Amino acid sequence: MRIISWLITNAVALAVAAQLFDGIRFTGPVHGQEEIKHKLLPLLLVALILGLVSATVKPVLKLISIPFILLSLGLFLLVINAAMLGLTSWLADGLGIGFHVNGFWTAVGGAIVITIVGWVVDGLIGPEDDRR
């Protein structure tokens, strides 16, 4: 059950970021039922890729960049999160999923939105044990 809530949390956060930033987008129709039908599976796949990248690559990058994180008082974590979103975009493009992030600053903004929305959604739908 935790994996499903984790996937939904990532998907909702990605969807919000894609709505807020023109540089973060899924290819396909842009309105109505057709958009939902066409983009739901890619959204879930990209959420899965982002979760896997964040679970495998991000800890290594954090460990390597500890001096930069300390010197920047944690702001370098934004760069790492943006890099994870960029890597997700690159992997999704390579797999033909149709997810694109254009530019570093768009990735930084998207990473901030994804983090904040992820916290909120996880707090709302997370398991009861995690909310205590």
C-alpha atoms as a PDB file:
ATOM      1  CA  MET A   1       0.000   0.000   0.000  1.00  0.00           C
ATOM      2  CA  ARG A   2       2.876   2.361   0.755  1.00  0.00           C
ATOM      3  CA  ILE A   3       4.235   1.942  -2.793  1.00  0.00           C
ATOM      4  CA  ILE A   4       0.881   2.945  -4.274  1.00  0.00           C
ATOM      5  CA  SER A   5       0.627   6.055  -2.094  1.00  0.00           C
ATOM      6  CA  TRP A   6       4.243   6.916  -2.978  1.00  0.00           C
ATOM      7  CA  LEU A   7       3.461   6.569  -6.700  1.00  0.00           C
ATOM      8  CA  ILE A   8       0.290   8.665  -6.404  1.00  0.00           C
ATOM      9  CA  THR A   9       2.157  11.322  -4.441  1.00  0.00           C
ATOM     10  CA  ASN A  10       4.868  11.572  -7.108  1.00  0.00           C
ATOM     11  CA  ALA A  11       2.276  11.613  -9.907  1.00  0.00           C
ATOM     12  CA  VAL A  12       0.228  14.403  -8.320  1.00  0.00           C
ATOM     13  CA  ALA A  13       3.366  16.453  -7.643  1.00  0.00           C
ATOM     14  CA  LEU A  14       4.554  16.001 -11.233  1.00  0.00           C
ATOM     15  CA  ALA A  15       1.131  16.947 -12.594  1.00  0.00           C
ATOM     16  CA  VAL A  16       1.084  20.150 -10.530  1.00  0.00           C
ATOM     17  CA  ALA A  17       4.603  21.065 -11.672  1.00  0.00           C
ATOM     18  CA  ALA A  18       3.635  20.418 -15.307  1.00  0.00           C
ATOM     19  CA  GLN A  19       0.611  22.700 -14.887  1.00  0.00           C
ATOM     20  CA  LEU A  20       2.620  25.512 -13.278  1.00  0.00           C
ATOM     21  CA  PHE A  21       5.651  25.546 -15.584  1.00  0.00           C
ATOM     22  CA  ASP A  22       5.518  25.821 -19.358  1.00  0.00           C
ATOM     23  CA  GLY A  23       8.934  24.166 -19.543  1.00  0.00           C
ATOM     24  CA  ILE A  24       7.712  20.955 -17.878  1.00  0.00           C
ATOM     25  CA  ARG A  25       5.353  19.115 -20.161  1.00  0.00           C
ATOM     26  CA  PHE A  26       3.950  15.851 -21.382  1.00  0.00           C
ATOM     27  CA  THR A  27       3.407  15.481 -25.102  1.00  0.00           C
ATOM     28  CA  GLY A  28      -0.091  14.910 -26.443  1.00  0.00           C
ATOM     29  CA  PRO A  29      -3.520  16.550 -26.314  1.00  0.00           C
ATOM     30  CA  VAL A  30      -3.900  19.577 -24.061  1.00  0.00           C
ATOM     31  CA  HIS A  31      -7.628  19.643 -23.224  1.00  0.00           C
ATOM     32  CA  GLY A  32     -10.468  17.476 -21.980  1.00  0.00           C
ATOM     33  CA  GLN A  33     -10.942  13.741 -21.606  1.00  0.00           C
ATOM     34  CA  GLU A  34      -8.521  12.997 -24.421  1.00  0.00           C
ATOM     35  CA  GLU A  35      -5.710  14.670 -22.464  1.00  0.00           C
ATOM     36  CA  ILE A  36      -6.418  12.588 -19.371  1.00  0.00           C
ATOM     37  CA  LYS A  37      -6.581   9.349 -21.352  1.00  0.00           C
ATOM     38  CA  HIS A  38      -3.370  10.100 -23.225  1.00  0.00           C
ATOM     39  CA  LYS A  39      -1.276  11.391 -20.301  1.00  0.00           C
ATOM     40  CA  LEU A  40      -2.286   9.242 -17.325  1.00  0.00           C
ATOM     41  CA  LEU A  41      -0.015   6.277 -18.081  1.00  0.00           C
ATOM     42  CA  PRO A  42       2.987   8.474 -18.990  1.00  0.00           C
ATOM     43  CA  LEU A  43       2.442  10.462 -15.779  1.00  0.00           C
ATOM     44  CA  LEU A  44       2.530   7.265 -13.696  1.00  0.00           C
ATOM     45  CA  LEU A  45       5.603   5.997 -15.568  1.00  0.00           C
ATOM     46  CA  VAL A  46       7.462   9.287 -15.071  1.00  0.00           C
ATOM     47  CA  ALA A  47       6.477   9.271 -11.378  1.00  0.00           C
ATOM     48  CA  LEU A  48       7.949   5.775 -11.119  1.00  0.00           C
ATOM     49  CA  ILE A  49      11.145   6.839 -12.899  1.00  0.00           C
ATOM     50  CA  LEU A  50      11.494   9.921 -10.678  1.00  0.00           C
ATOM     51  CA  GLY A  51      11.010   7.788  -7.574  1.00  0.00           C
ATOM     52  CA  LEU A  52      13.570   5.231  -8.684  1.00  0.00           C
ATOM     53  CA  VAL A  53      16.092   7.910  -9.648  1.00  0.00           C
ATOM     54  CA  SER A  54      15.558   9.679  -6.328  1.00  0.00           C
ATOM     55  CA  ALA A  55      15.976   6.421  -4.427  1.00  0.00           C
ATOM     56  CA  THR A  56      19.144   5.291  -6.211  1.00  0.00           C
ATOM     57  CA  VAL A  57      21.088   8.221  -7.646  1.00  0.00           C
ATOM     58  CA  LYS A  58      20.136  11.010  -5.231  1.00  0.00           C
ATOM     59  CA  PRO A  59      21.717   9.473  -2.087  1.00  0.00           C
ATOM     60  CA  VAL A  60      25.024   9.039  -3.920  1.00  0.00           C
ATOM     61  CA  LEU A  61      24.963  12.644  -5.136  1.00  0.00           C
ATOM     62  CA  LYS A  62      24.116  13.881  -1.651  1.00  0.00           C
ATOM     63  CA  LEU A  63      27.017  11.964  -0.163  1.00  0.00           C
ATOM     64  CA  ILE A  64      29.479  13.234  -2.765  1.00  0.00           C
ATOM     65  CA  SER A  65      28.294  16.827  -2.427  1.00  0.00           C
ATOM     66  CA  ILE A  66      28.226  17.142   1.379  1.00  0.00           C
ATOM     67  CA  PRO A  67      30.808  19.975   1.345  1.00  0.00           C
ATOM     68  CA  PHE A  68      28.712  21.985  -1.140  1.00  0.00           C
ATOM     69  CA  ILE A  69      25.549  21.337   0.840  1.00  0.00           C
ATOM     70  CA  LEU A  70      27.210  22.574   4.028  1.00  0.00           C
ATOM     71  CA  LEU A  71      28.780  25.623   2.366  1.00  0.00           C
ATOM     72  CA  SER A  72      25.479  26.633   0.771  1.00  0.00           C
ATOM     73  CA  LEU A  73      23.515  25.941   3.968  1.00  0.00           C
ATOM     74  CA  GLY A  74      21.495  23.295   2.161  1.00  0.00           C
ATOM     75  CA  LEU A  75      20.646  25.276  -0.974  1.00  0.00           C
ATOM     76  CA  PHE A  76      22.740  22.902  -3.080  1.00  0.00           C
ATOM     77  CA  LEU A  77      20.017  20.322  -2.432  1.00  0.00           C
ATOM     78  CA  LEU A  78      17.890  22.332  -4.872  1.00  0.00           C
ATOM     79  CA  VAL A  79      20.524  21.727  -7.535  1.00  0.00           C
ATOM     80  CA  ILE A  80      20.503  18.008  -6.751  1.00  0.00           C
ATOM     81  CA  ASN A  81      16.691  17.875  -6.925  1.00  0.00           C
ATOM     82  CA  ALA A  82      16.765  19.764 -10.238  1.00  0.00           C
ATOM     83  CA  ALA A  83      19.349  17.298 -11.529  1.00  0.00           C
ATOM     84  CA  MET A  84      17.081  14.395 -10.546  1.00  0.00           C
ATOM     85  CA  LEU A  85      14.216  15.980 -12.498  1.00  0.00           C
ATOM     86  CA  GLY A  86      16.513  16.560 -15.483  1.00  0.00           C
ATOM     87  CA  LEU A  87      17.742  12.969 -15.342  1.00  0.00           C
ATOM     88  CA  THR A  88      14.145  11.771 -15.172  1.00  0.00           C
ATOM     89  CA  SER A  89      13.346  13.829 -18.262  1.00  0.00           C
ATOM     90  CA  TRP A  90      16.341  12.386 -20.092  1.00  0.00           C
ATOM     91  CA  LEU A  91      15.409   8.808 -19.162  1.00  0.00           C
ATOM     92  CA  ALA A  92      11.745   9.330 -20.074  1.00  0.00           C
ATOM     93  CA  ASP A  93      12.773  10.791 -23.417  1.00  0.00           C
ATOM     94  CA  GLY A  94      15.063   7.819 -24.030  1.00  0.00           C
ATOM     95  CA  LEU A  95      12.195   5.441 -23.248  1.00  0.00           C
ATOM     96  CA  GLY A  96       9.852   7.350 -25.568  1.00  0.00           C
ATOM     97  CA  ILE A  97       7.464   8.412 -22.797  1.00  0.00           C
ATOM     98  CA  GLY A  98       7.082  12.035 -23.906  1.00  0.00           C
ATOM     99  CA  PHE A  99       8.059  13.998 -20.797  1.00  0.00           C
ATOM    100  CA  HIS A 100      10.290  17.046 -21.150  1.00  0.00           C
ATOM    101  CA  VAL A 101      11.919  19.559 -18.823  1.00  0.00           C
ATOM    102  CA  ASN A 102      13.365  22.570 -20.620  1.00  0.00           C
ATOM    103  CA  GLY A 103      16.246  24.280 -18.848  1.00  0.00           C
ATOM    104  CA  PHE A 104      17.958  24.326 -15.500  1.00  0.00           C
ATOM    105  CA  TRP A 105      15.835  27.030 -13.852  1.00  0.00           C
ATOM    106  CA  THR A 106      12.640  25.315 -14.907  1.00  0.00           C
ATOM    107  CA  ALA A 107      14.000  22.133 -13.318  1.00  0.00           C
ATOM    108  CA  VAL A 108      14.808  24.044 -10.104  1.00  0.00           C
ATOM    109  CA  GLY A 109      11.301  25.522  -9.957  1.00  0.00           C
ATOM    110  CA  GLY A 110       9.760  22.166 -10.774  1.00  0.00           C
ATOM    111  CA  ALA A 111      11.838  20.449  -8.101  1.00  0.00           C
ATOM    112  CA  ILE A 112      10.645  22.979  -5.507  1.00  0.00           C
ATOM    113  CA  VAL A 113       7.006  22.476  -6.502  1.00  0.00           C
ATOM    114  CA  ILE A 114       7.357  18.685  -6.596  1.00  0.00           C
ATOM    115  CA  THR A 115       8.922  18.672  -3.127  1.00  0.00           C
ATOM    116  CA  ILE A 116       6.266  20.918  -1.574  1.00  0.00           C
ATOM    117  CA  VAL A 117       3.311  19.187  -3.240  1.00  0.00           C
ATOM    118  CA  GLY A 118       4.834  15.796  -2.379  1.00  0.00           C
ATOM    119  CA  TRP A 119       4.992  16.726   1.296  1.00  0.00           C
ATOM    120  CA  VAL A 120       1.404  17.970   1.295  1.00  0.00           C
ATOM    121  CA  VAL A 121      -0.054  14.998  -0.602  1.00  0.00           C
ATOM    122  CA  ASP A 122       1.954  12.501   1.415  1.00  0.00           C
ATOM    123  CA  GLY A 123       0.643  14.114   4.588  1.00  0.00           C
ATOM    124  CA  LEU A 124      -2.918  13.802   3.304  1.00  0.00           C
ATOM    125  CA  ILE A 125      -2.872  10.253   1.932  1.00  0.00           C
ATOM    126  CA  GLY A 126       0.049   8.696   3.807  1.00  0.00           C
ATOM    127  CA  PRO A 127      -0.516   5.745   6.105  1.00  0.00           C
ATOM    128  CA  GLU A 128      -2.043   6.486   9.512  1.00  0.00           C
ATOM    129  CA  ASP A 129       1.160   5.324  11.266  1.00  0.00           C
ATOM    130  CA  ASP A 130       3.220   7.981   9.456  1.00  0.00           C
ATOM    131  CA  ARG A 131       0.943  10.838  10.551  1.00  0.00           C
ATOM    132  CA  ARG A 132       1.309  10.240  14.278  1.00  0.00           C
END
